[in-house]
Amino acid sequence: MLSRTADHLFWMARYTERAENTARLLDVTVQTSMLPLSEQDAAQGWRAMLGISELQAAYDRKHNTVDARCVIDFMVRDPSNPSSIAACLKEARENARAVRGTLTTEVWEIQNQTWLDLNKRLGNGVLDHDPSQFFEWVKYRSHLSRGVTLGTMLRDDAVHFIRLGTFLERADNTARILDVKFHGARDASEGGESGSEQTQRDFYYWAALLRSVSGFEIYRKVYRDVITPARVAELLMLRADMPRSLLACMDEVVQNLQHVRNDLSRDTERFAGKLHAELQFARIDDILQAGLHDTLTEFLQRIYELGNRISRDFLVPLAA
């Protein structure tokens, strides 16, 4: 497969997954902000989300204050934000258009219709009066894109590059969601509430996080007990049977790299395999003892490096 074709397929998938994960992150922050919080705590939650998305500086250049309305607008439709949902869905559609002949008609039509419907939805005010409904729509369109891809495309290199983009992006975003919410929970626990109030608040906090990654029912099935931060971290990092966990994502990355390997990719496969093995044989107690934030920060750095290696070996290299 030509490197430019592989590049368009890879980034089509990454942008689609990025839009979905931005919707998930925004939705859980909206849900968390409905808890009884002070204005300062609410603003801190939105600021933490911007920070983990590496968008704080860009946001501050446009806005003097941090509040839900401004952050949602910036993260959903601001044309100056290349990581906004609107920008991601536009880029996904443009990358799909560039390789329309490689895709099935159904896959192209999903990408194109999503972009057309997005503009209608942003114009009818749904984002202002019911943001959660809008975020659910973004997630649904991403699910539809993946399902149609697997249901209609030949299982050749095109699908493998699409899957590589999807799961590399998902691993990055799951780590970010987990990191920002653990920071938020730590800050919230210092609020001086009574024990019963804190317990109730913690439940809604962690339940919202689990729902943001479609993990609430899975958690109940796996642990059958109260929600604890350590178990949430274990589920989202080390459970291979949890579809959005870091380990499950790396399973897919390693497998799809094997399918598209070439003469240049041996070191990249080794790099990915080492990261996969560290997750596969890790224990959550050891991770928490070493520091969850430090572990996730290192993971994000290595995922970024892995993306650069994949671009170097298979795709159009990223600009320095």
C-alpha atoms as a PDB file:
ATOM      1  CA  MET A   1       0.000   0.000   0.000  1.00  0.00           C
ATOM      2  CA  LEU A   2       1.221   3.497  -0.842  1.00  0.00           C
ATOM      3  CA  SER A   3       2.375   5.383   2.233  1.00  0.00           C
ATOM      4  CA  ARG A   4       0.114   8.346   1.461  1.00  0.00           C
ATOM      5  CA  THR A   5      -2.953   6.100   1.223  1.00  0.00           C
ATOM      6  CA  ALA A   6      -2.033   4.428   4.514  1.00  0.00           C
ATOM      7  CA  ASP A   7      -1.503   7.870   6.038  1.00  0.00           C
ATOM      8  CA  HIS A   8      -5.004   9.065   5.092  1.00  0.00           C
ATOM      9  CA  LEU A   9      -6.613   5.878   6.444  1.00  0.00           C
ATOM     10  CA  PHE A  10      -4.624   6.064   9.679  1.00  0.00           C
ATOM     11  CA  TRP A  11      -5.535   9.707  10.313  1.00  0.00           C
ATOM     12  CA  MET A  12      -9.152   9.276   9.270  1.00  0.00           C
ATOM     13  CA  ALA A  13      -9.455   6.736  12.074  1.00  0.00           C
ATOM     14  CA  ARG A  14      -7.489   8.809  14.578  1.00  0.00           C
ATOM     15  CA  TYR A  15      -9.572  11.920  14.026  1.00  0.00           C
ATOM     16  CA  THR A  16     -12.825   9.971  14.288  1.00  0.00           C
ATOM     17  CA  GLU A  17     -11.692   8.370  17.545  1.00  0.00           C
ATOM     18  CA  ARG A  18     -10.383  11.706  18.840  1.00  0.00           C
ATOM     19  CA  ALA A  19     -13.759  13.351  18.275  1.00  0.00           C
ATOM     20  CA  GLU A  20     -15.449  10.537  20.175  1.00  0.00           C
ATOM     21  CA  ASN A  21     -13.035  10.709  23.073  1.00  0.00           C
ATOM     22  CA  THR A  22     -13.295  14.489  23.296  1.00  0.00           C
ATOM     23  CA  ALA A  23     -17.064  14.019  23.522  1.00  0.00           C
ATOM     24  CA  ARG A  24     -16.558  11.442  26.280  1.00  0.00           C
ATOM     25  CA  LEU A  25     -14.221  13.721  28.234  1.00  0.00           C
ATOM     26  CA  LEU A  26     -16.585  16.683  27.920  1.00  0.00           C
ATOM     27  CA  ASP A  27     -19.589  14.589  28.897  1.00  0.00           C
ATOM     28  CA  VAL A  28     -18.010  13.252  32.076  1.00  0.00           C
ATOM     29  CA  THR A  29     -16.909  16.778  33.023  1.00  0.00           C
ATOM     30  CA  VAL A  30     -20.449  18.070  32.471  1.00  0.00           C
ATOM     31  CA  GLN A  31     -21.845  15.241  34.603  1.00  0.00           C
ATOM     32  CA  THR A  32     -19.285  15.862  37.347  1.00  0.00           C
ATOM     33  CA  SER A  33     -20.027  19.595  37.342  1.00  0.00           C
ATOM     34  CA  MET A  34     -23.636  18.775  38.321  1.00  0.00           C
ATOM     35  CA  LEU A  35     -22.425  17.608  41.716  1.00  0.00           C
ATOM     36  CA  PRO A  36     -22.631  20.170  44.551  1.00  0.00           C
ATOM     37  CA  LEU A  37     -19.414  22.068  43.836  1.00  0.00           C
ATOM     38  CA  SER A  38     -18.171  25.526  44.610  1.00  0.00           C
ATOM     39  CA  GLU A  39     -17.605  27.819  41.649  1.00  0.00           C
ATOM     40  CA  GLN A  40     -13.859  27.471  42.186  1.00  0.00           C
ATOM     41  CA  ASP A  41     -13.993  23.651  42.197  1.00  0.00           C
ATOM     42  CA  ALA A  42     -16.125  23.611  39.062  1.00  0.00           C
ATOM     43  CA  ALA A  43     -13.684  25.883  37.248  1.00  0.00           C
ATOM     44  CA  GLN A  44     -10.800  23.707  38.429  1.00  0.00           C
ATOM     45  CA  GLY A  45     -12.449  20.666  36.861  1.00  0.00           C
ATOM     46  CA  TRP A  46     -12.762  22.377  33.495  1.00  0.00           C
ATOM     47  CA  ARG A  47      -9.214  23.705  33.738  1.00  0.00           C
ATOM     48  CA  ALA A  48      -7.895  20.220  34.509  1.00  0.00           C
ATOM     49  CA  MET A  49      -9.599  18.911  31.377  1.00  0.00           C
ATOM     50  CA  LEU A  50      -7.986  21.614  29.260  1.00  0.00           C
ATOM     51  CA  GLY A  51      -4.616  20.872  30.833  1.00  0.00           C
ATOM     52  CA  ILE A  52      -4.671  17.145  30.172  1.00  0.00           C
ATOM     53  CA  SER A  53      -5.767  17.858  26.589  1.00  0.00           C
ATOM     54  CA  GLU A  54      -2.766  20.221  26.267  1.00  0.00           C
ATOM     55  CA  LEU A  55      -5.094  23.054  25.273  1.00  0.00           C
ATOM     56  CA  GLN A  56      -4.832  25.362  28.293  1.00  0.00           C
ATOM     57  CA  ALA A  57      -2.551  27.899  26.613  1.00  0.00           C
ATOM     58  CA  ALA A  58      -4.659  28.016  23.446  1.00  0.00           C
ATOM     59  CA  TYR A  59      -7.823  28.495  25.505  1.00  0.00           C
ATOM     60  CA  ASP A  60      -6.301  31.260  27.641  1.00  0.00           C
ATOM     61  CA  ARG A  61      -5.367  33.212  24.522  1.00  0.00           C
ATOM     62  CA  LYS A  62      -9.075  33.490  23.677  1.00  0.00           C
ATOM     63  CA  HIS A  63     -10.833  33.556  27.052  1.00  0.00           C
ATOM     64  CA  ASN A  64     -10.246  35.378  30.319  1.00  0.00           C
ATOM     65  CA  THR A  65     -12.266  32.999  32.499  1.00  0.00           C
ATOM     66  CA  VAL A  66     -12.860  29.254  32.646  1.00  0.00           C
ATOM     67  CA  ASP A  67     -16.512  28.234  32.658  1.00  0.00           C
ATOM     68  CA  ALA A  68     -18.575  25.404  31.179  1.00  0.00           C
ATOM     69  CA  ARG A  69     -20.095  27.373  28.291  1.00  0.00           C
ATOM     70  CA  CYS A  70     -16.773  28.756  27.038  1.00  0.00           C
ATOM     71  CA  VAL A  71     -14.880  25.469  27.400  1.00  0.00           C
ATOM     72  CA  ILE A  72     -17.587  23.460  25.622  1.00  0.00           C
ATOM     73  CA  ASP A  73     -17.697  25.966  22.776  1.00  0.00           C
ATOM     74  CA  PHE A  74     -13.892  25.904  22.502  1.00  0.00           C
ATOM     75  CA  MET A  75     -13.719  22.097  22.563  1.00  0.00           C
ATOM     76  CA  VAL A  76     -16.626  21.506  20.193  1.00  0.00           C
ATOM     77  CA  ARG A  77     -16.717  24.109  17.426  1.00  0.00           C
ATOM     78  CA  ASP A  78     -14.024  26.771  17.832  1.00  0.00           C
ATOM     79  CA  PRO A  79     -12.278  26.974  14.410  1.00  0.00           C
ATOM     80  CA  SER A  80      -9.037  28.081  16.078  1.00  0.00           C
ATOM     81  CA  ASN A  81      -8.818  24.807  18.003  1.00  0.00           C
ATOM     82  CA  PRO A  82      -7.516  22.029  15.711  1.00  0.00           C
ATOM     83  CA  SER A  83      -8.519  19.426  18.311  1.00  0.00           C
ATOM     84  CA  SER A  84     -12.166  20.517  18.550  1.00  0.00           C
ATOM     85  CA  ILE A  85     -14.835  17.969  17.668  1.00  0.00           C
ATOM     86  CA  ALA A  86     -15.805  19.975  14.582  1.00  0.00           C
ATOM     87  CA  ALA A  87     -12.175  20.173  13.411  1.00  0.00           C
ATOM     88  CA  CYS A  88     -11.618  16.443  14.009  1.00  0.00           C
ATOM     89  CA  LEU A  89     -14.738  15.379  12.108  1.00  0.00           C
ATOM     90  CA  LYS A  90     -13.829  17.697   9.258  1.00  0.00           C
ATOM     91  CA  GLU A  91     -10.316  16.232   9.054  1.00  0.00           C
ATOM     92  CA  ALA A  92     -11.702  12.683   9.245  1.00  0.00           C
ATOM     93  CA  ARG A  93     -14.002  13.464   6.322  1.00  0.00           C
ATOM     94  CA  GLU A  94     -11.201  15.095   4.290  1.00  0.00           C
ATOM     95  CA  ASN A  95      -8.885  12.138   4.824  1.00  0.00           C
ATOM     96  CA  ALA A  96     -11.690   9.755   3.816  1.00  0.00           C
ATOM     97  CA  ARG A  97     -12.373  11.814   0.687  1.00  0.00           C
ATOM     98  CA  ALA A  98      -8.702  11.596  -0.309  1.00  0.00           C
ATOM     99  CA  VAL A  99      -8.867   7.771  -0.350  1.00  0.00           C
ATOM    100  CA  ARG A 100     -12.508   7.346  -1.339  1.00  0.00           C
ATOM    101  CA  GLY A 101     -11.569   4.650  -3.845  1.00  0.00           C
ATOM    102  CA  THR A 102     -10.010   2.530  -1.092  1.00  0.00           C
ATOM    103  CA  LEU A 103     -13.094   2.698   1.131  1.00  0.00           C
ATOM    104  CA  THR A 104     -16.417   1.000   0.572  1.00  0.00           C
ATOM    105  CA  THR A 105     -19.324   3.253  -0.350  1.00  0.00           C
ATOM    106  CA  GLU A 106     -20.852   2.713   3.086  1.00  0.00           C
ATOM    107  CA  VAL A 107     -17.723   3.829   4.968  1.00  0.00           C
ATOM    108  CA  TRP A 108     -17.413   6.984   2.871  1.00  0.00           C
ATOM    109  CA  GLU A 109     -21.098   7.833   3.274  1.00  0.00           C
ATOM    110  CA  ILE A 110     -20.861   7.539   7.070  1.00  0.00           C
ATOM    111  CA  GLN A 111     -17.924   9.978   7.197  1.00  0.00           C
ATOM    112  CA  ASN A 112     -19.555  12.416   4.785  1.00  0.00           C
ATOM    113  CA  GLN A 113     -22.994  12.315   6.425  1.00  0.00           C
ATOM    114  CA  THR A 114     -21.482  12.803   9.877  1.00  0.00           C
ATOM    115  CA  TRP A 115     -19.854  16.024   8.741  1.00  0.00           C
ATOM    116  CA  LEU A 116     -23.057  17.266   7.093  1.00  0.00           C
ATOM    117  CA  ASP A 117     -25.179  16.401  10.143  1.00  0.00           C
ATOM    118  CA  LEU A 118     -22.675  18.048  12.473  1.00  0.00           C
ATOM    119  CA  ASN A 119     -23.227  21.450  10.893  1.00  0.00           C
ATOM    120  CA  LYS A 120     -26.993  21.054  11.246  1.00  0.00           C
ATOM    121  CA  ARG A 121     -26.720  20.078  14.900  1.00  0.00           C
ATOM    122  CA  LEU A 122     -24.407  22.936  15.754  1.00  0.00           C
ATOM    123  CA  GLY A 123     -26.915  25.282  14.174  1.00  0.00           C
ATOM    124  CA  ASN A 124     -30.045  24.039  15.932  1.00  0.00           C
ATOM    125  CA  GLY A 125     -28.905  24.880  19.480  1.00  0.00           C
ATOM    126  CA  VAL A 126     -28.757  21.331  20.871  1.00  0.00           C
ATOM    127  CA  LEU A 127     -25.262  21.948  22.200  1.00  0.00           C
ATOM    128  CA  ASP A 128     -26.536  24.839  24.341  1.00  0.00           C
ATOM    129  CA  HIS A 129     -29.671  23.274  25.837  1.00  0.00           C
ATOM    130  CA  ASP A 130     -28.616  19.600  26.014  1.00  0.00           C
ATOM    131  CA  PRO A 131     -24.856  19.064  25.544  1.00  0.00           C
ATOM    132  CA  SER A 132     -25.034  15.435  26.682  1.00  0.00           C
ATOM    133  CA  GLN A 133     -27.391  14.640  23.812  1.00  0.00           C
ATOM    134  CA  PHE A 134     -24.893  16.127  21.375  1.00  0.00           C
ATOM    135  CA  PHE A 135     -22.016  14.153  22.902  1.00  0.00           C
ATOM    136  CA  GLU A 136     -24.037  10.938  22.627  1.00  0.00           C
ATOM    137  CA  TRP A 137     -24.564  11.669  18.937  1.00  0.00           C
ATOM    138  CA  VAL A 138     -20.809  12.097  18.393  1.00  0.00           C
ATOM    139  CA  LYS A 139     -20.138   8.781  20.127  1.00  0.00           C
ATOM    140  CA  TYR A 140     -22.868   7.054  18.110  1.00  0.00           C
ATOM    141  CA  ARG A 141     -21.434   8.258  14.787  1.00  0.00           C
ATOM    142  CA  SER A 142     -17.994   6.986  15.786  1.00  0.00           C
ATOM    143  CA  HIS A 143     -19.464   3.595  16.727  1.00  0.00           C
ATOM    144  CA  LEU A 144     -21.274   3.514  13.399  1.00  0.00           C
ATOM    145  CA  SER A 145     -18.080   4.287  11.491  1.00  0.00           C
ATOM    146  CA  ARG A 146     -16.182   1.434  13.164  1.00  0.00           C
ATOM    147  CA  GLY A 147     -19.027  -1.023  12.712  1.00  0.00           C
ATOM    148  CA  VAL A 148     -19.488  -0.243   9.025  1.00  0.00           C
ATOM    149  CA  THR A 149     -15.733  -0.461   8.460  1.00  0.00           C
ATOM    150  CA  LEU A 150     -15.523  -3.950   9.954  1.00  0.00           C
ATOM    151  CA  GLY A 151     -18.780  -5.024   8.370  1.00  0.00           C
ATOM    152  CA  THR A 152     -18.061  -3.974   4.780  1.00  0.00           C
ATOM    153  CA  MET A 153     -14.312  -3.720   4.132  1.00  0.00           C
ATOM    154  CA  LEU A 154     -11.889  -6.421   3.059  1.00  0.00           C
ATOM    155  CA  ARG A 155      -9.556  -7.378   5.903  1.00  0.00           C
ATOM    156  CA  ASP A 156      -6.457  -6.112   4.128  1.00  0.00           C
ATOM    157  CA  ASP A 157      -3.810  -3.524   4.928  1.00  0.00           C
ATOM    158  CA  ALA A 158      -6.377  -0.711   4.677  1.00  0.00           C
ATOM    159  CA  VAL A 159      -8.331  -2.083   7.632  1.00  0.00           C
ATOM    160  CA  HIS A 160      -5.157  -2.732   9.607  1.00  0.00           C
ATOM    161  CA  PHE A 161      -4.023   0.896   9.237  1.00  0.00           C
ATOM    162  CA  ILE A 162      -7.502   2.090  10.230  1.00  0.00           C
ATOM    163  CA  ARG A 163      -7.363  -0.123  13.314  1.00  0.00           C
ATOM    164  CA  LEU A 164      -3.860   1.091  14.154  1.00  0.00           C
ATOM    165  CA  GLY A 165      -5.051   4.693  14.113  1.00  0.00           C
ATOM    166  CA  THR A 166      -8.143   3.895  16.166  1.00  0.00           C
ATOM    167  CA  PHE A 167      -6.419   2.078  19.001  1.00  0.00           C
ATOM    168  CA  LEU A 168      -3.355   4.290  19.190  1.00  0.00           C
ATOM    169  CA  GLU A 169      -5.669   7.274  19.623  1.00  0.00           C
ATOM    170  CA  ARG A 170      -7.895   5.418  22.082  1.00  0.00           C
ATOM    171  CA  ALA A 171      -4.941   4.449  24.279  1.00  0.00           C
ATOM    172  CA  ASP A 172      -3.811   8.073  24.395  1.00  0.00           C
ATOM    173  CA  ASN A 173      -7.262   9.350  25.316  1.00  0.00           C
ATOM    174  CA  THR A 174      -8.055   6.687  27.907  1.00  0.00           C
ATOM    175  CA  ALA A 175      -4.823   7.569  29.695  1.00  0.00           C
ATOM    176  CA  ARG A 176      -5.739  11.270  29.598  1.00  0.00           C
ATOM    177  CA  ILE A 177      -9.273  10.720  30.901  1.00  0.00           C
ATOM    178  CA  LEU A 178      -7.985   8.545  33.736  1.00  0.00           C
ATOM    179  CA  ASP A 179      -5.246  11.004  34.655  1.00  0.00           C
ATOM    180  CA  VAL A 180      -7.422  14.118  34.730  1.00  0.00           C
ATOM    181  CA  LYS A 181     -10.147  12.431  36.740  1.00  0.00           C
ATOM    182  CA  PHE A 182      -7.737  11.031  39.347  1.00  0.00           C
ATOM    183  CA  HIS A 183      -6.357  14.541  39.794  1.00  0.00           C
ATOM    184  CA  GLY A 184      -9.893  15.882  40.133  1.00  0.00           C
ATOM    185  CA  ALA A 185     -10.863  13.254  42.679  1.00  0.00           C
ATOM    186  CA  ARG A 186      -7.784  13.976  44.767  1.00  0.00           C
ATOM    187  CA  ASP A 187      -8.559  17.688  44.799  1.00  0.00           C
ATOM    188  CA  ALA A 188     -12.225  17.045  45.604  1.00  0.00           C
ATOM    189  CA  SER A 189     -11.328  14.798  48.544  1.00  0.00           C
ATOM    190  CA  GLU A 190      -9.623  17.769  50.187  1.00  0.00           C
ATOM    191  CA  GLY A 191     -12.877  19.732  50.381  1.00  0.00           C
ATOM    192  CA  GLY A 192     -13.557  19.084  54.067  1.00  0.00           C
ATOM    193  CA  GLU A 193     -16.906  17.306  53.639  1.00  0.00           C
ATOM    194  CA  SER A 194     -18.364  14.841  56.115  1.00  0.00           C
ATOM    195  CA  GLY A 195     -17.714  11.141  55.613  1.00  0.00           C
ATOM    196  CA  SER A 196     -21.166  10.313  54.226  1.00  0.00           C
ATOM    197  CA  GLU A 197     -21.149  13.319  51.903  1.00  0.00           C
ATOM    198  CA  GLN A 198     -17.707  12.412  50.612  1.00  0.00           C
ATOM    199  CA  THR A 199     -18.710   8.756  50.066  1.00  0.00           C
ATOM    200  CA  GLN A 200     -21.785   9.759  48.092  1.00  0.00           C
ATOM    201  CA  ARG A 201     -19.860  12.287  46.057  1.00  0.00           C
ATOM    202  CA  ASP A 202     -17.093   9.766  45.307  1.00  0.00           C
ATOM    203  CA  PHE A 203     -19.646   7.260  44.023  1.00  0.00           C
ATOM    204  CA  TYR A 204     -21.131   9.721  41.533  1.00  0.00           C
ATOM    205  CA  TYR A 205     -17.670  10.925  40.565  1.00  0.00           C
ATOM    206  CA  TRP A 206     -16.282   7.473  39.738  1.00  0.00           C
ATOM    207  CA  ALA A 207     -19.584   6.310  38.235  1.00  0.00           C
ATOM    208  CA  ALA A 208     -19.456   9.290  35.839  1.00  0.00           C
ATOM    209  CA  LEU A 209     -15.878   8.420  34.903  1.00  0.00           C
ATOM    210  CA  LEU A 210     -16.794   4.783  34.219  1.00  0.00           C
ATOM    211  CA  ARG A 211     -19.783   5.804  32.119  1.00  0.00           C
ATOM    212  CA  SER A 212     -17.542   8.114  30.087  1.00  0.00           C
ATOM    213  CA  VAL A 213     -15.645   5.034  28.854  1.00  0.00           C
ATOM    214  CA  SER A 214     -18.708   2.756  28.706  1.00  0.00           C
ATOM    215  CA  GLY A 215     -17.344   0.910  31.735  1.00  0.00           C
ATOM    216  CA  PHE A 216     -19.985   1.213  34.452  1.00  0.00           C
ATOM    217  CA  GLU A 217     -21.785  -2.059  33.707  1.00  0.00           C
ATOM    218  CA  ILE A 218     -18.472  -3.779  33.026  1.00  0.00           C
ATOM    219  CA  TYR A 219     -17.162  -2.678  36.420  1.00  0.00           C
ATOM    220  CA  ARG A 220     -20.223  -4.114  38.145  1.00  0.00           C
ATOM    221  CA  LYS A 221     -19.843  -7.407  36.290  1.00  0.00           C
ATOM    222  CA  VAL A 222     -16.102  -7.736  37.016  1.00  0.00           C
ATOM    223  CA  TYR A 223     -15.872  -6.530  40.632  1.00  0.00           C
ATOM    224  CA  ARG A 224     -19.436  -6.862  42.012  1.00  0.00           C
ATOM    225  CA  ASP A 225     -18.556  -4.401  44.773  1.00  0.00           C
ATOM    226  CA  VAL A 226     -18.271  -0.719  45.607  1.00  0.00           C
ATOM    227  CA  ILE A 227     -16.410   1.530  43.210  1.00  0.00           C
ATOM    228  CA  THR A 228     -12.866   2.264  44.350  1.00  0.00           C
ATOM    229  CA  PRO A 229     -10.203   4.361  42.595  1.00  0.00           C
ATOM    230  CA  ALA A 230      -7.714   1.465  42.519  1.00  0.00           C
ATOM    231  CA  ARG A 231     -10.176  -0.846  40.790  1.00  0.00           C
ATOM    232  CA  VAL A 232     -11.150   1.861  38.310  1.00  0.00           C
ATOM    233  CA  ALA A 233      -7.472   2.305  37.446  1.00  0.00           C
ATOM    234  CA  GLU A 234      -6.985  -1.456  37.133  1.00  0.00           C
ATOM    235  CA  LEU A 235     -10.019  -1.800  34.848  1.00  0.00           C
ATOM    236  CA  LEU A 236      -8.947   1.028  32.546  1.00  0.00           C
ATOM    237  CA  MET A 237      -5.287   0.079  32.450  1.00  0.00           C
ATOM    238  CA  LEU A 238      -4.708  -3.641  32.925  1.00  0.00           C
ATOM    239  CA  ARG A 239      -7.861  -5.559  31.939  1.00  0.00           C
ATOM    240  CA  ALA A 240      -7.430  -7.023  28.455  1.00  0.00           C
ATOM    241  CA  ASP A 241     -11.167  -7.798  28.297  1.00  0.00           C
ATOM    242  CA  MET A 242     -12.137  -4.142  28.843  1.00  0.00           C
ATOM    243  CA  PRO A 243     -12.417  -2.702  25.281  1.00  0.00           C
ATOM    244  CA  ARG A 244     -11.109   0.767  26.124  1.00  0.00           C
ATOM    245  CA  SER A 245      -8.337  -0.237  28.537  1.00  0.00           C
ATOM    246  CA  LEU A 246      -4.710   0.581  27.817  1.00  0.00           C
ATOM    247  CA  LEU A 247      -3.850  -3.129  27.611  1.00  0.00           C
ATOM    248  CA  ALA A 248      -6.708  -3.894  25.201  1.00  0.00           C
ATOM    249  CA  CYS A 249      -5.614  -0.991  22.977  1.00  0.00           C
ATOM    250  CA  MET A 250      -2.017  -2.189  22.952  1.00  0.00           C
ATOM    251  CA  ASP A 251      -3.203  -5.731  22.122  1.00  0.00           C
ATOM    252  CA  GLU A 252      -4.748  -4.302  18.949  1.00  0.00           C
ATOM    253  CA  VAL A 253      -1.778  -2.080  18.122  1.00  0.00           C
ATOM    254  CA  VAL A 254       0.679  -4.990  18.367  1.00  0.00           C
ATOM    255  CA  GLN A 255      -1.519  -7.336  16.329  1.00  0.00           C
ATOM    256  CA  ASN A 256      -2.131  -4.833  13.539  1.00  0.00           C
ATOM    257  CA  LEU A 257       1.542  -3.883  13.395  1.00  0.00           C
ATOM    258  CA  GLN A 258       2.328  -7.537  12.756  1.00  0.00           C
ATOM    259  CA  HIS A 259      -0.063  -7.576   9.800  1.00  0.00           C
ATOM    260  CA  VAL A 260       1.530  -4.551   8.082  1.00  0.00           C
ATOM    261  CA  ARG A 261       5.181  -5.103   9.058  1.00  0.00           C
ATOM    262  CA  ASN A 262       7.855  -4.164   6.542  1.00  0.00           C
ATOM    263  CA  ASP A 263      11.638  -4.107   6.359  1.00  0.00           C
ATOM    264  CA  LEU A 264      11.836  -0.908   8.428  1.00  0.00           C
ATOM    265  CA  SER A 265       9.433  -1.714  11.240  1.00  0.00           C
ATOM    266  CA  ARG A 266      11.300  -4.232  13.403  1.00  0.00           C
ATOM    267  CA  ASP A 267      12.357  -1.655  16.015  1.00  0.00           C
ATOM    268  CA  THR A 268       8.849  -0.146  16.083  1.00  0.00           C
ATOM    269  CA  GLU A 269       7.331  -3.578  16.697  1.00  0.00           C
ATOM    270  CA  ARG A 270       9.842  -4.166  19.488  1.00  0.00           C
ATOM    271  CA  PHE A 271       9.015  -0.775  21.031  1.00  0.00           C
ATOM    272  CA  ALA A 272       5.273  -1.510  20.932  1.00  0.00           C
ATOM    273  CA  GLY A 273       5.798  -5.051  22.226  1.00  0.00           C
ATOM    274  CA  LYS A 274       7.747  -3.823  25.233  1.00  0.00           C
ATOM    275  CA  LEU A 275       5.038  -1.319  26.161  1.00  0.00           C
ATOM    276  CA  HIS A 276       2.409  -4.038  25.740  1.00  0.00           C
ATOM    277  CA  ALA A 277       4.345  -6.507  27.902  1.00  0.00           C
ATOM    278  CA  GLU A 278       4.796  -3.976  30.716  1.00  0.00           C
ATOM    279  CA  LEU A 279       1.029  -3.497  30.875  1.00  0.00           C
ATOM    280  CA  GLN A 280       0.306  -7.202  30.523  1.00  0.00           C
ATOM    281  CA  PHE A 281       2.406  -8.176  33.527  1.00  0.00           C
ATOM    282  CA  ALA A 282       1.890  -5.065  35.689  1.00  0.00           C
ATOM    283  CA  ARG A 283       0.095  -5.045  39.052  1.00  0.00           C
ATOM    284  CA  ILE A 284      -2.080  -2.115  40.006  1.00  0.00           C
ATOM    285  CA  ASP A 285      -0.603  -1.974  43.528  1.00  0.00           C
ATOM    286  CA  ASP A 286       2.860  -1.436  42.066  1.00  0.00           C
ATOM    287  CA  ILE A 287       1.567   1.268  39.715  1.00  0.00           C
ATOM    288  CA  LEU A 288      -0.167   3.143  42.523  1.00  0.00           C
ATOM    289  CA  GLN A 289       2.913   2.881  44.716  1.00  0.00           C
ATOM    290  CA  ALA A 290       5.110   4.275  41.937  1.00  0.00           C
ATOM    291  CA  GLY A 291       2.575   7.053  41.272  1.00  0.00           C
ATOM    292  CA  LEU A 292      -0.336   6.820  38.867  1.00  0.00           C
ATOM    293  CA  HIS A 293       0.209  10.278  37.383  1.00  0.00           C
ATOM    294  CA  ASP A 294       3.875   9.577  36.662  1.00  0.00           C
ATOM    295  CA  THR A 295       3.011   6.199  35.116  1.00  0.00           C
ATOM    296  CA  LEU A 296       0.336   7.699  32.864  1.00  0.00           C
ATOM    297  CA  THR A 297       2.570  10.618  31.896  1.00  0.00           C
ATOM    298  CA  GLU A 298       5.290   8.199  30.825  1.00  0.00           C
ATOM    299  CA  PHE A 299       2.737   6.093  28.943  1.00  0.00           C
ATOM    300  CA  LEU A 300       1.516   9.166  27.021  1.00  0.00           C
ATOM    301  CA  GLN A 301       5.087  10.045  26.086  1.00  0.00           C
ATOM    302  CA  ARG A 302       5.702   6.534  24.797  1.00  0.00           C
ATOM    303  CA  ILE A 303       2.433   6.445  22.853  1.00  0.00           C
ATOM    304  CA  TYR A 304       3.453   9.711  21.206  1.00  0.00           C
ATOM    305  CA  GLU A 305       6.831   8.185  20.341  1.00  0.00           C
ATOM    306  CA  LEU A 306       5.121   5.075  18.970  1.00  0.00           C
ATOM    307  CA  GLY A 307       2.941   7.228  16.733  1.00  0.00           C
ATOM    308  CA  ASN A 308       6.038   8.979  15.397  1.00  0.00           C
ATOM    309  CA  ARG A 309       7.709   5.623  14.716  1.00  0.00           C
ATOM    310  CA  ILE A 310       4.658   4.336  12.849  1.00  0.00           C
ATOM    311  CA  SER A 311       4.608   7.520  10.750  1.00  0.00           C
ATOM    312  CA  ARG A 312       8.310   7.120  10.004  1.00  0.00           C
ATOM    313  CA  ASP A 313       8.074   3.442   9.009  1.00  0.00           C
ATOM    314  CA  PHE A 314       4.746   3.318   7.163  1.00  0.00           C
ATOM    315  CA  LEU A 315       3.185   6.725   6.576  1.00  0.00           C
ATOM    316  CA  VAL A 316       4.050  10.274   5.575  1.00  0.00           C
ATOM    317  CA  PRO A 317       6.506  11.352   8.312  1.00  0.00           C
ATOM    318  CA  LEU A 318       5.235  14.037  10.663  1.00  0.00           C
ATOM    319  CA  ALA A 319       6.747  17.483  10.225  1.00  0.00           C
ATOM    320  CA  ALA A 320       9.490  18.187  12.737  1.00  0.00           C
END
